[in-house]
Amino acid sequence: MVSLQGLTVGQVAERSGIAVSAVHFYEEKGLITSWRNNANHRRYSAAVLRKIAVIKAAQKLGVPLKEIKAAMDQLPNEKKISASDWAKLSTWWQEDLDKRIAELQDLREGLNECIGCGCLSMTDCHLLNPEDKMKSQGPGAHLLGWRRKPYTENA
């Protein structure tokens, strides 16, 4: 039962299944908020439990905390996350996950082709980098990285 005084950090940790240090970490990162009561003890609204559930779900999908925060910033701060809020977030994260899966499948297929040719060279590879065209993009593995777009409400 949540009192009008709010939840203690221990109650939040117990009910959400995370460590007290994780509650503090999420607050430090701006993902959740608390207030101080008259005795200067930190208190949390019950809405924070659903926010933590969303954070944990997004982390399992591989969404970085920075992107989770950007998404959470689009939601009302003290209001419980609604089904409609979750639909927006999950649709965006599902699209992102689908893109990452496709990129990983392409990478897997490219590795099979590279292993077949045996050159193992990013500068001389006729499959991935014919005539060393990638050098114009500067140093680094341009073909292997994910280019994730930041969360926007309209995305």
N, C-alpha and C. Protein backbone atom coordinates (compact mmCIF):
# COMPACT_ATOMS: atom_id res chain seq x y z
N MET A 1 0.84 -1.18 0.00
CA MET A 1 0.00 0.00 0.00
C MET A 1 0.89 1.25 0.00
N VAL A 2 0.62 2.17 -0.90
CA VAL A 2 1.39 3.40 -1.00
C VAL A 2 0.71 4.47 -0.15
N SER A 3 1.45 5.03 0.77
CA SER A 3 0.88 6.08 1.61
C SER A 3 0.97 7.41 0.89
N LEU A 4 0.31 8.40 1.47
CA LEU A 4 0.38 9.75 0.91
C LEU A 4 1.80 10.31 1.03
N GLN A 5 2.60 9.66 1.87
CA GLN A 5 3.98 10.10 2.06
C GLN A 5 4.89 9.61 0.94
N GLY A 6 4.39 8.76 0.06
CA GLY A 6 5.20 8.24 -1.02
C GLY A 6 5.97 7.00 -0.61
N LEU A 7 6.68 6.46 -1.56
CA LEU A 7 7.47 5.25 -1.35
C LEU A 7 8.90 5.61 -0.94
N THR A 8 9.46 4.81 -0.06
CA THR A 8 10.87 4.98 0.28
C THR A 8 11.71 4.35 -0.83
N VAL A 9 12.99 4.64 -0.85
CA VAL A 9 13.87 4.06 -1.86
C VAL A 9 13.90 2.54 -1.72
N GLY A 10 13.86 2.04 -0.49
CA GLY A 10 13.84 0.60 -0.25
C GLY A 10 12.58 -0.05 -0.80
N GLN A 11 11.44 0.61 -0.62
CA GLN A 11 10.19 0.08 -1.15
C GLN A 11 10.20 0.06 -2.68
N VAL A 12 10.73 1.12 -3.28
CA VAL A 12 10.83 1.17 -4.74
C VAL A 12 11.72 0.03 -5.24
N ALA A 13 12.85 -0.16 -4.59
CA ALA A 13 13.78 -1.21 -5.00
C ALA A 13 13.12 -2.58 -4.86
N GLU A 14 12.47 -2.83 -3.74
CA GLU A 14 11.84 -4.13 -3.51
C GLU A 14 10.72 -4.40 -4.52
N ARG A 15 9.87 -3.42 -4.73
CA ARG A 15 8.71 -3.62 -5.60
C ARG A 15 9.09 -3.67 -7.08
N SER A 16 10.18 -3.03 -7.46
CA SER A 16 10.59 -3.02 -8.86
C SER A 16 11.59 -4.12 -9.18
N GLY A 17 12.16 -4.74 -8.15
CA GLY A 17 13.11 -5.82 -8.37
C GLY A 17 14.50 -5.37 -8.76
N ILE A 18 14.86 -4.14 -8.39
CA ILE A 18 16.20 -3.64 -8.67
C ILE A 18 16.87 -3.24 -7.36
N ALA A 19 18.14 -3.03 -7.39
CA ALA A 19 18.90 -2.63 -6.20
C ALA A 19 18.63 -1.16 -5.87
N VAL A 20 18.79 -0.83 -4.61
CA VAL A 20 18.67 0.57 -4.18
C VAL A 20 19.64 1.44 -4.97
N SER A 21 20.84 0.94 -5.21
CA SER A 21 21.83 1.71 -5.97
C SER A 21 21.33 1.99 -7.39
N ALA A 22 20.57 1.06 -7.97
CA ALA A 22 20.02 1.28 -9.31
C ALA A 22 18.95 2.36 -9.28
N VAL A 23 18.14 2.39 -8.22
CA VAL A 23 17.14 3.45 -8.08
C VAL A 23 17.84 4.81 -8.05
N HIS A 24 18.89 4.91 -7.23
CA HIS A 24 19.66 6.16 -7.15
C HIS A 24 20.31 6.49 -8.50
N PHE A 25 20.82 5.48 -9.19
CA PHE A 25 21.46 5.69 -10.49
C PHE A 25 20.45 6.23 -11.50
N TYR A 26 19.26 5.62 -11.57
CA TYR A 26 18.22 6.10 -12.50
C TYR A 26 17.83 7.54 -12.17
N GLU A 27 17.79 7.86 -10.89
CA GLU A 27 17.46 9.23 -10.51
C GLU A 27 18.58 10.19 -10.89
N GLU A 28 19.81 9.77 -10.68
CA GLU A 28 20.97 10.59 -11.05
C GLU A 28 20.98 10.88 -12.55
N LYS A 29 20.54 9.91 -13.34
CA LYS A 29 20.51 10.06 -14.80
C LYS A 29 19.26 10.81 -15.28
N GLY A 30 18.37 11.16 -14.36
CA GLY A 30 17.19 11.93 -14.71
C GLY A 30 16.04 11.10 -15.27
N LEU A 31 16.10 9.78 -15.09
CA LEU A 31 15.05 8.90 -15.59
C LEU A 31 13.83 8.87 -14.67
N ILE A 32 14.06 9.05 -13.39
CA ILE A 32 12.99 9.09 -12.40
C ILE A 32 13.28 10.26 -11.45
N THR A 33 12.25 10.66 -10.70
CA THR A 33 12.43 11.77 -9.76
C THR A 33 11.87 11.40 -8.39
N SER A 34 12.32 12.13 -7.41
CA SER A 34 11.84 11.97 -6.04
C SER A 34 11.66 13.35 -5.43
N TRP A 35 11.19 13.38 -4.21
CA TRP A 35 11.12 14.62 -3.45
C TRP A 35 11.56 14.31 -2.02
N ARG A 36 11.76 15.33 -1.25
CA ARG A 36 12.17 15.16 0.15
C ARG A 36 10.98 15.48 1.05
N ASN A 37 10.75 14.62 2.05
CA ASN A 37 9.67 14.89 3.01
C ASN A 37 10.19 15.82 4.11
N ASN A 38 9.35 16.07 5.13
CA ASN A 38 9.73 17.00 6.21
C ASN A 38 10.96 16.53 6.99
N ALA A 39 11.19 15.23 7.02
CA ALA A 39 12.36 14.68 7.71
C ALA A 39 13.57 14.57 6.76
N ASN A 40 13.43 15.15 5.57
CA ASN A 40 14.48 15.16 4.55
C ASN A 40 14.80 13.77 4.00
N HIS A 41 13.80 12.87 4.05
CA HIS A 41 13.96 11.55 3.45
C HIS A 41 13.43 11.57 2.03
N ARG A 42 14.12 10.88 1.17
CA ARG A 42 13.73 10.81 -0.24
C ARG A 42 12.46 9.96 -0.37
N ARG A 43 11.52 10.45 -1.18
CA ARG A 43 10.26 9.74 -1.42
C ARG A 43 9.95 9.72 -2.92
N TYR A 44 9.27 8.68 -3.34
CA TYR A 44 8.92 8.48 -4.75
C TYR A 44 7.42 8.26 -4.88
N SER A 45 6.85 8.73 -5.98
CA SER A 45 5.45 8.46 -6.25
C SER A 45 5.32 7.02 -6.75
N ALA A 46 4.13 6.47 -6.68
CA ALA A 46 3.89 5.11 -7.16
C ALA A 46 4.12 5.02 -8.67
N ALA A 47 3.98 6.13 -9.38
CA ALA A 47 4.18 6.14 -10.84
C ALA A 47 5.59 5.74 -11.23
N VAL A 48 6.54 5.89 -10.32
CA VAL A 48 7.93 5.56 -10.62
C VAL A 48 8.10 4.06 -10.88
N LEU A 49 7.23 3.24 -10.30
CA LEU A 49 7.34 1.79 -10.49
C LEU A 49 7.11 1.40 -11.95
N ARG A 50 6.14 2.02 -12.59
CA ARG A 50 5.90 1.72 -14.00
C ARG A 50 7.03 2.28 -14.86
N LYS A 51 7.55 3.45 -14.50
CA LYS A 51 8.68 4.01 -15.25
C LYS A 51 9.88 3.06 -15.18
N ILE A 52 10.13 2.51 -14.02
CA ILE A 52 11.26 1.58 -13.89
C ILE A 52 11.00 0.32 -14.72
N ALA A 53 9.75 -0.14 -14.76
CA ALA A 53 9.42 -1.30 -15.59
C ALA A 53 9.70 -1.00 -17.06
N VAL A 54 9.37 0.20 -17.51
CA VAL A 54 9.63 0.60 -18.90
C VAL A 54 11.14 0.68 -19.15
N ILE A 55 11.87 1.25 -18.20
CA ILE A 55 13.33 1.36 -18.33
C ILE A 55 13.94 -0.04 -18.47
N LYS A 56 13.51 -0.96 -17.61
CA LYS A 56 14.05 -2.32 -17.66
C LYS A 56 13.71 -3.00 -18.99
N ALA A 57 12.50 -2.82 -19.48
CA ALA A 57 12.10 -3.42 -20.77
C ALA A 57 12.95 -2.85 -21.90
N ALA A 58 13.14 -1.55 -21.89
CA ALA A 58 13.94 -0.91 -22.95
C ALA A 58 15.39 -1.38 -22.88
N GLN A 59 15.93 -1.52 -21.68
CA GLN A 59 17.30 -2.00 -21.54
C GLN A 59 17.44 -3.42 -22.08
N LYS A 60 16.44 -4.27 -21.88
CA LYS A 60 16.49 -5.63 -22.42
C LYS A 60 16.51 -5.61 -23.95
N LEU A 61 15.91 -4.58 -24.54
CA LEU A 61 15.93 -4.44 -25.99
C LEU A 61 17.25 -3.87 -26.49
N GLY A 62 18.10 -3.43 -25.56
CA GLY A 62 19.38 -2.87 -25.94
C GLY A 62 19.35 -1.37 -26.17
N VAL A 63 18.29 -0.71 -25.71
CA VAL A 63 18.19 0.74 -25.88
C VAL A 63 19.10 1.41 -24.84
N PRO A 64 20.01 2.27 -25.27
CA PRO A 64 20.90 2.95 -24.33
C PRO A 64 20.12 3.89 -23.39
N LEU A 65 20.63 4.06 -22.17
CA LEU A 65 19.96 4.93 -21.19
C LEU A 65 19.73 6.34 -21.71
N LYS A 66 20.66 6.84 -22.50
CA LYS A 66 20.51 8.19 -23.05
C LYS A 66 19.25 8.27 -23.91
N GLU A 67 18.99 7.23 -24.71
CA GLU A 67 17.79 7.21 -25.55
C GLU A 67 16.53 6.96 -24.74
N ILE A 68 16.66 6.15 -23.68
CA ILE A 68 15.51 5.94 -22.80
C ILE A 68 15.13 7.26 -22.15
N LYS A 69 16.12 8.02 -21.71
CA LYS A 69 15.85 9.31 -21.09
C LYS A 69 15.17 10.26 -22.07
N ALA A 70 15.66 10.30 -23.30
CA ALA A 70 15.05 11.17 -24.31
C ALA A 70 13.58 10.81 -24.51
N ALA A 71 13.29 9.52 -24.50
CA ALA A 71 11.90 9.08 -24.64
C ALA A 71 11.09 9.46 -23.41
N MET A 72 11.66 9.23 -22.22
CA MET A 72 10.95 9.54 -20.97
C MET A 72 10.70 11.03 -20.84
N ASP A 73 11.59 11.85 -21.39
CA ASP A 73 11.41 13.30 -21.32
C ASP A 73 10.18 13.75 -22.09
N GLN A 74 9.67 12.92 -22.99
CA GLN A 74 8.47 13.25 -23.76
C GLN A 74 7.20 12.98 -22.95
N LEU A 75 7.33 12.30 -21.81
CA LEU A 75 6.18 11.91 -21.01
C LEU A 75 6.01 12.84 -19.81
N PRO A 76 4.78 12.98 -19.32
CA PRO A 76 4.57 13.79 -18.10
C PRO A 76 5.37 13.20 -16.94
N ASN A 77 6.02 14.05 -16.17
CA ASN A 77 6.97 13.63 -15.16
C ASN A 77 6.36 12.78 -14.04
N GLU A 78 5.30 13.19 -13.43
CA GLU A 78 4.78 12.48 -12.27
C GLU A 78 3.59 11.59 -12.58
N LYS A 79 3.13 11.62 -13.82
CA LYS A 79 1.98 10.81 -14.21
C LYS A 79 2.42 9.38 -14.48
N LYS A 80 1.57 8.41 -14.12
CA LYS A 80 1.86 7.02 -14.43
C LYS A 80 1.85 6.85 -15.96
N ILE A 81 2.78 6.07 -16.47
CA ILE A 81 2.84 5.82 -17.90
C ILE A 81 1.59 5.06 -18.31
N SER A 82 0.91 5.56 -19.31
CA SER A 82 -0.34 4.95 -19.76
C SER A 82 -0.09 3.94 -20.88
N ALA A 83 -1.14 3.22 -21.24
CA ALA A 83 -1.05 2.27 -22.35
C ALA A 83 -0.73 3.01 -23.64
N SER A 84 -1.28 4.19 -23.80
CA SER A 84 -1.00 4.98 -25.01
C SER A 84 0.46 5.45 -25.02
N ASP A 85 1.00 5.84 -23.86
CA ASP A 85 2.42 6.22 -23.76
C ASP A 85 3.30 5.02 -24.15
N TRP A 86 2.97 3.85 -23.60
CA TRP A 86 3.75 2.65 -23.88
C TRP A 86 3.66 2.30 -25.36
N ALA A 87 2.51 2.48 -25.98
CA ALA A 87 2.36 2.18 -27.40
C ALA A 87 3.31 3.02 -28.24
N LYS A 88 3.43 4.30 -27.90
CA LYS A 88 4.36 5.18 -28.63
C LYS A 88 5.80 4.71 -28.47
N LEU A 89 6.18 4.46 -27.22
CA LEU A 89 7.56 4.05 -26.95
C LEU A 89 7.87 2.71 -27.59
N SER A 90 6.97 1.74 -27.40
CA SER A 90 7.25 0.40 -27.90
C SER A 90 7.27 0.36 -29.42
N THR A 91 6.45 1.17 -30.08
CA THR A 91 6.47 1.22 -31.54
C THR A 91 7.82 1.72 -32.03
N TRP A 92 8.31 2.81 -31.42
CA TRP A 92 9.60 3.34 -31.83
C TRP A 92 10.71 2.34 -31.56
N TRP A 93 10.71 1.73 -30.37
CA TRP A 93 11.76 0.78 -30.02
C TRP A 93 11.68 -0.48 -30.87
N GLN A 94 10.47 -0.89 -31.25
CA GLN A 94 10.33 -2.07 -32.11
C GLN A 94 10.91 -1.78 -33.49
N GLU A 95 10.65 -0.60 -34.03
CA GLU A 95 11.22 -0.22 -35.32
C GLU A 95 12.75 -0.21 -35.25
N ASP A 96 13.28 0.32 -34.17
CA ASP A 96 14.73 0.36 -33.99
C ASP A 96 15.30 -1.05 -33.87
N LEU A 97 14.62 -1.91 -33.13
CA LEU A 97 15.06 -3.29 -32.97
C LEU A 97 15.03 -4.02 -34.31
N ASP A 98 13.97 -3.81 -35.10
CA ASP A 98 13.88 -4.43 -36.42
C ASP A 98 15.05 -4.00 -37.30
N LYS A 99 15.42 -2.72 -37.24
CA LYS A 99 16.56 -2.23 -38.03
C LYS A 99 17.86 -2.88 -37.57
N ARG A 100 18.04 -2.99 -36.26
CA ARG A 100 19.27 -3.61 -35.75
C ARG A 100 19.35 -5.08 -36.13
N ILE A 101 18.20 -5.77 -36.09
CA ILE A 101 18.18 -7.19 -36.49
C ILE A 101 18.57 -7.31 -37.96
N ALA A 102 18.01 -6.45 -38.81
CA ALA A 102 18.35 -6.49 -40.24
C ALA A 102 19.83 -6.20 -40.45
N GLU A 103 20.39 -5.22 -39.71
CA GLU A 103 21.81 -4.90 -39.83
C GLU A 103 22.66 -6.08 -39.39
N LEU A 104 22.26 -6.75 -38.31
CA LEU A 104 23.02 -7.92 -37.85
C LEU A 104 22.95 -9.06 -38.85
N GLN A 105 21.78 -9.26 -39.46
CA GLN A 105 21.66 -10.31 -40.49
C GLN A 105 22.55 -9.98 -41.69
N ASP A 106 22.56 -8.72 -42.10
CA ASP A 106 23.44 -8.31 -43.21
C ASP A 106 24.90 -8.51 -42.84
N LEU A 107 25.25 -8.15 -41.61
CA LEU A 107 26.62 -8.33 -41.15
C LEU A 107 27.00 -9.80 -41.16
N ARG A 108 26.08 -10.65 -40.67
CA ARG A 108 26.35 -12.09 -40.66
C ARG A 108 26.59 -12.60 -42.08
N GLU A 109 25.76 -12.19 -43.02
CA GLU A 109 25.91 -12.63 -44.40
C GLU A 109 27.22 -12.09 -45.00
N GLY A 110 27.55 -10.85 -44.68
CA GLY A 110 28.80 -10.27 -45.17
C GLY A 110 30.01 -10.99 -44.62
N LEU A 111 29.92 -11.44 -43.37
CA LEU A 111 31.04 -12.18 -42.79
C LEU A 111 31.24 -13.50 -43.52
N ASN A 112 30.15 -14.15 -43.87
CA ASN A 112 30.27 -15.40 -44.62
C ASN A 112 30.94 -15.16 -45.96
N GLU A 113 30.58 -14.07 -46.63
CA GLU A 113 31.20 -13.76 -47.91
C GLU A 113 32.67 -13.42 -47.72
N CYS A 114 32.98 -12.65 -46.69
CA CYS A 114 34.37 -12.27 -46.44
C CYS A 114 35.22 -13.50 -46.13
N ILE A 115 34.68 -14.38 -45.33
CA ILE A 115 35.43 -15.59 -45.00
C ILE A 115 35.70 -16.39 -46.27
N GLY A 116 34.72 -16.36 -47.18
CA GLY A 116 34.87 -17.09 -48.45
C GLY A 116 36.00 -16.54 -49.31
N CYS A 117 36.14 -15.20 -49.35
CA CYS A 117 37.17 -14.62 -50.20
C CYS A 117 38.54 -14.69 -49.53
N GLY A 118 38.57 -14.57 -48.22
CA GLY A 118 39.80 -14.74 -47.47
C GLY A 118 40.73 -13.55 -47.41
N CYS A 119 40.36 -12.40 -48.01
CA CYS A 119 41.30 -11.27 -48.03
C CYS A 119 41.44 -10.63 -46.64
N LEU A 120 40.35 -10.57 -45.88
CA LEU A 120 40.33 -9.99 -44.53
C LEU A 120 40.90 -8.57 -44.50
N SER A 121 40.69 -7.81 -45.55
CA SER A 121 41.22 -6.46 -45.64
C SER A 121 40.10 -5.46 -45.89
N MET A 122 39.98 -4.45 -45.03
CA MET A 122 38.97 -3.42 -45.23
C MET A 122 39.38 -2.44 -46.33
N THR A 123 40.66 -2.37 -46.65
CA THR A 123 41.09 -1.45 -47.72
C THR A 123 41.07 -2.10 -49.08
N ASP A 124 41.34 -3.42 -49.13
CA ASP A 124 41.43 -4.10 -50.42
C ASP A 124 40.21 -4.96 -50.76
N CYS A 125 39.26 -5.08 -49.85
CA CYS A 125 38.14 -5.99 -50.05
C CYS A 125 37.27 -5.52 -51.22
N HIS A 126 37.10 -6.39 -52.19
CA HIS A 126 36.31 -6.05 -53.37
C HIS A 126 34.81 -6.17 -53.10
N LEU A 127 34.44 -6.83 -52.00
CA LEU A 127 33.02 -6.96 -51.65
C LEU A 127 32.52 -5.77 -50.83
N LEU A 128 33.25 -5.44 -49.76
CA LEU A 128 32.80 -4.40 -48.83
C LEU A 128 33.31 -3.00 -49.16
N ASN A 129 34.45 -2.92 -49.82
CA ASN A 129 35.06 -1.62 -50.05
C ASN A 129 35.80 -1.58 -51.38
N PRO A 130 35.07 -1.74 -52.49
CA PRO A 130 35.77 -1.74 -53.78
C PRO A 130 36.51 -0.43 -54.03
N GLU A 131 37.74 -0.55 -54.48
CA GLU A 131 38.62 0.58 -54.81
C GLU A 131 38.82 1.53 -53.62
N ASP A 132 38.70 1.02 -52.41
CA ASP A 132 38.92 1.78 -51.16
C ASP A 132 38.08 3.07 -51.13
N LYS A 133 36.82 3.00 -51.53
CA LYS A 133 35.94 4.17 -51.54
C LYS A 133 35.62 4.67 -50.13
N MET A 134 35.72 3.82 -49.13
CA MET A 134 35.38 4.21 -47.76
C MET A 134 36.39 5.21 -47.17
N LYS A 135 37.59 5.28 -47.73
CA LYS A 135 38.59 6.19 -47.16
C LYS A 135 38.12 7.64 -47.17
N SER A 136 37.21 7.98 -48.08
CA SER A 136 36.70 9.36 -48.13
C SER A 136 35.83 9.71 -46.92
N GLN A 137 35.38 8.69 -46.19
CA GLN A 137 34.56 8.92 -45.00
C GLN A 137 35.38 9.00 -43.72
N GLY A 138 36.70 8.96 -43.85
CA GLY A 138 37.57 9.07 -42.70
C GLY A 138 37.87 7.71 -42.09
N PRO A 139 38.64 7.71 -40.99
CA PRO A 139 39.04 6.44 -40.37
C PRO A 139 37.87 5.76 -39.67
N GLY A 140 38.00 4.47 -39.47
CA GLY A 140 36.99 3.71 -38.72
C GLY A 140 36.24 2.72 -39.58
N ALA A 141 35.48 1.88 -38.90
CA ALA A 141 34.72 0.83 -39.57
C ALA A 141 33.32 1.34 -39.89
N HIS A 142 33.17 2.03 -40.98
CA HIS A 142 31.90 2.66 -41.35
C HIS A 142 30.80 1.66 -41.65
N LEU A 143 31.16 0.51 -42.15
CA LEU A 143 30.16 -0.49 -42.54
C LEU A 143 29.66 -1.32 -41.37
N LEU A 144 30.36 -1.29 -40.25
CA LEU A 144 30.02 -2.17 -39.15
C LEU A 144 29.23 -1.48 -38.04
N GLY A 145 29.13 -0.17 -38.02
CA GLY A 145 28.48 0.53 -36.92
C GLY A 145 27.02 0.77 -37.15
N TRP A 146 26.26 0.88 -36.06
CA TRP A 146 24.85 1.23 -36.15
C TRP A 146 24.71 2.73 -36.12
N ARG A 147 23.87 3.23 -36.93
CA ARG A 147 23.56 4.66 -36.95
C ARG A 147 22.15 4.81 -36.38
N ARG A 148 22.05 4.96 -35.07
CA ARG A 148 20.75 5.03 -34.42
C ARG A 148 20.29 6.47 -34.37
N LYS A 149 19.04 6.67 -34.72
CA LYS A 149 18.48 8.01 -34.64
C LYS A 149 17.96 8.25 -33.23
N PRO A 150 18.09 9.46 -32.71
CA PRO A 150 17.57 9.73 -31.37
C PRO A 150 16.05 9.70 -31.37
N TYR A 151 15.48 9.41 -30.21
CA TYR A 151 14.03 9.34 -30.08
C TYR A 151 13.42 10.71 -30.25
N THR A 152 12.35 10.76 -31.04
CA THR A 152 11.52 11.96 -31.11
C THR A 152 10.08 11.49 -31.07
N GLU A 153 9.21 12.30 -30.52
CA GLU A 153 7.82 11.90 -30.37
C GLU A 153 7.16 11.66 -31.72
N ASN A 154 7.59 12.37 -32.74
CA ASN A 154 6.99 12.24 -34.06
C ASN A 154 7.55 11.09 -34.87
N ALA A 155 8.60 10.44 -34.35
CA ALA A 155 9.25 9.37 -35.11
C ALA A 155 8.37 8.13 -35.16
